[in-house]
Amino acid sequence: QRIHMHSDNCIDDIDVFVKLDGDIVKDVCFDGVGCAIATSSTDIMCGLLIGKNKKEANYIIEQYFNMLHEEEFDDSVLDEAMVFINTSKQAARIRCATIGWNAVKELIK
């Protein structure tokens, strides 16, 4: 499955691909251009979600969004994604930090 995502506020223009085997995320990858925040957060997300079932993947995505919106979150599932904890201090960059995450969220519905 593939979804195309772009941002009106930045250069972010990516295609995100998810391969599911039943309920399991077998592979996640992306292609395109984006700012450093968009590409690095999407790359980290890909690594976090491979091998997870849909419920686990959605939980990780939810915790990431909670972190970015300064809400209570479970840091034990975010691993390297924790580097984006201060992204909310630059609200315009939240879209960059979530573009790939929003794509996968849509693809695994």
Protein backbone atom coordinates (compact mmCIF):
# COMPACT_ATOMS: atom_id res chain seq x y z
CA GLN A 1 0.00 0.00 0.00
CA ARG A 2 1.17 3.52 -0.75
CA ILE A 3 0.11 7.02 0.16
CA HIS A 4 1.47 10.34 -1.09
CA MET A 5 1.96 13.13 1.43
CA HIS A 6 3.06 16.73 0.95
CA SER A 7 3.25 19.86 3.02
CA ASP A 8 2.25 23.34 1.98
CA ASN A 9 4.60 24.79 4.60
CA CYS A 10 7.81 22.96 3.73
CA ILE A 11 9.51 21.01 0.94
CA ASP A 12 8.14 17.73 2.30
CA ASP A 13 6.82 15.61 -0.56
CA ILE A 14 7.03 11.88 0.14
CA ASP A 15 5.46 8.57 -0.75
CA VAL A 16 5.11 6.18 2.17
CA PHE A 17 4.77 2.44 1.61
CA VAL A 18 3.54 -0.19 4.05
CA LYS A 19 3.59 -3.94 3.49
CA LEU A 20 1.22 -5.85 5.73
CA ASP A 21 1.07 -9.59 6.27
CA GLY A 22 -2.32 -9.96 7.85
CA ASP A 23 -2.11 -7.85 10.98
CA ILE A 24 1.70 -7.55 11.00
CA VAL A 25 3.67 -4.61 9.58
CA LYS A 26 6.24 -6.48 7.50
CA ASP A 27 7.91 -3.42 5.98
CA VAL A 28 7.66 0.36 5.97
CA CYS A 29 9.65 2.67 3.74
CA PHE A 30 9.41 6.04 2.05
CA ASP A 31 10.74 7.89 -0.97
CA GLY A 32 10.78 11.53 -1.90
CA VAL A 33 12.19 14.78 -0.60
CA GLY A 34 11.75 16.43 2.74
CA CYS A 35 13.39 18.56 5.36
CA ALA A 36 15.68 16.98 7.91
CA ILE A 37 12.91 16.65 10.50
CA ALA A 38 10.48 14.97 8.09
CA THR A 39 12.98 12.49 6.69
CA SER A 40 14.64 11.61 9.99
CA SER A 41 11.37 11.19 11.90
CA THR A 42 9.91 9.06 9.11
CA ASP A 43 13.06 6.93 8.95
CA ILE A 44 12.99 6.34 12.71
CA MET A 45 9.28 5.50 12.52
CA CYS A 46 9.95 2.89 9.83
CA GLY A 47 12.39 1.10 12.10
CA LEU A 48 10.04 1.25 15.08
CA LEU A 49 7.01 -0.21 13.31
CA ILE A 50 8.47 -3.12 11.34
CA GLY A 51 7.43 -6.39 12.95
CA LYS A 52 4.68 -4.85 15.07
CA ASN A 53 1.03 -5.77 14.76
CA LYS A 54 -1.46 -3.02 13.90
CA LYS A 55 -2.47 -2.50 17.53
CA GLU A 56 1.15 -2.09 18.64
CA ALA A 57 1.93 0.20 15.69
CA ASN A 58 -1.06 2.40 16.42
CA TYR A 59 -0.05 2.59 20.08
CA ILE A 60 3.47 3.74 19.13
CA ILE A 61 2.05 6.35 16.74
CA GLU A 62 -0.38 7.58 19.41
CA GLN A 63 2.44 7.93 21.96
CA TYR A 64 4.55 9.85 19.46
CA PHE A 65 1.69 12.29 18.77
CA ASN A 66 1.07 12.67 22.51
CA MET A 67 4.74 13.52 23.02
CA LEU A 68 4.69 16.13 20.25
CA HIS A 69 1.59 17.75 21.70
CA GLU A 70 3.08 17.82 25.21
CA GLU A 71 0.57 15.32 26.56
CA GLU A 72 1.29 12.33 28.77
CA PHE A 73 3.03 9.58 26.78
CA ASP A 74 4.74 6.22 27.15
CA ASP A 75 8.41 6.85 26.37
CA SER A 76 9.25 3.14 26.61
CA VAL A 77 7.95 2.53 23.07
CA LEU A 78 9.50 5.53 21.30
CA ASP A 79 13.20 4.64 21.38
CA GLU A 80 15.06 7.03 19.00
CA ALA A 81 11.86 8.99 18.28
CA MET A 82 12.42 10.65 21.67
CA VAL A 83 14.84 13.06 19.94
CA PHE A 84 11.75 14.95 18.70
CA ILE A 85 10.48 15.70 22.23
CA ASN A 86 11.12 19.44 21.89
CA THR A 87 9.58 19.79 18.43
CA SER A 88 6.46 21.33 19.95
CA LYS A 89 8.54 24.38 20.86
CA GLN A 90 8.50 25.17 17.12
CA ALA A 91 4.87 24.49 16.30
CA ALA A 92 5.40 24.91 12.56
CA ARG A 93 7.72 21.89 12.61
CA ILE A 94 5.13 19.51 14.07
CA ARG A 95 3.75 18.95 10.55
CA CYS A 96 7.25 18.00 9.39
CA ALA A 97 7.73 15.61 12.32
CA THR A 98 4.40 13.87 11.70
CA ILE A 99 4.08 13.67 7.92
CA GLY A 100 5.29 10.07 7.64
CA TRP A 101 3.54 9.04 10.86
CA ASN A 102 0.21 10.36 9.57
CA ALA A 103 0.71 8.41 6.34
CA VAL A 104 1.27 5.10 8.13
CA LYS A 105 -1.61 5.77 10.49
CA GLU A 106 -3.87 6.12 7.44
CA LEU A 107 -2.43 3.06 5.68
CA ILE A 108 -2.91 0.65 8.59
CA LYS A 109 -6.49 1.65 9.42
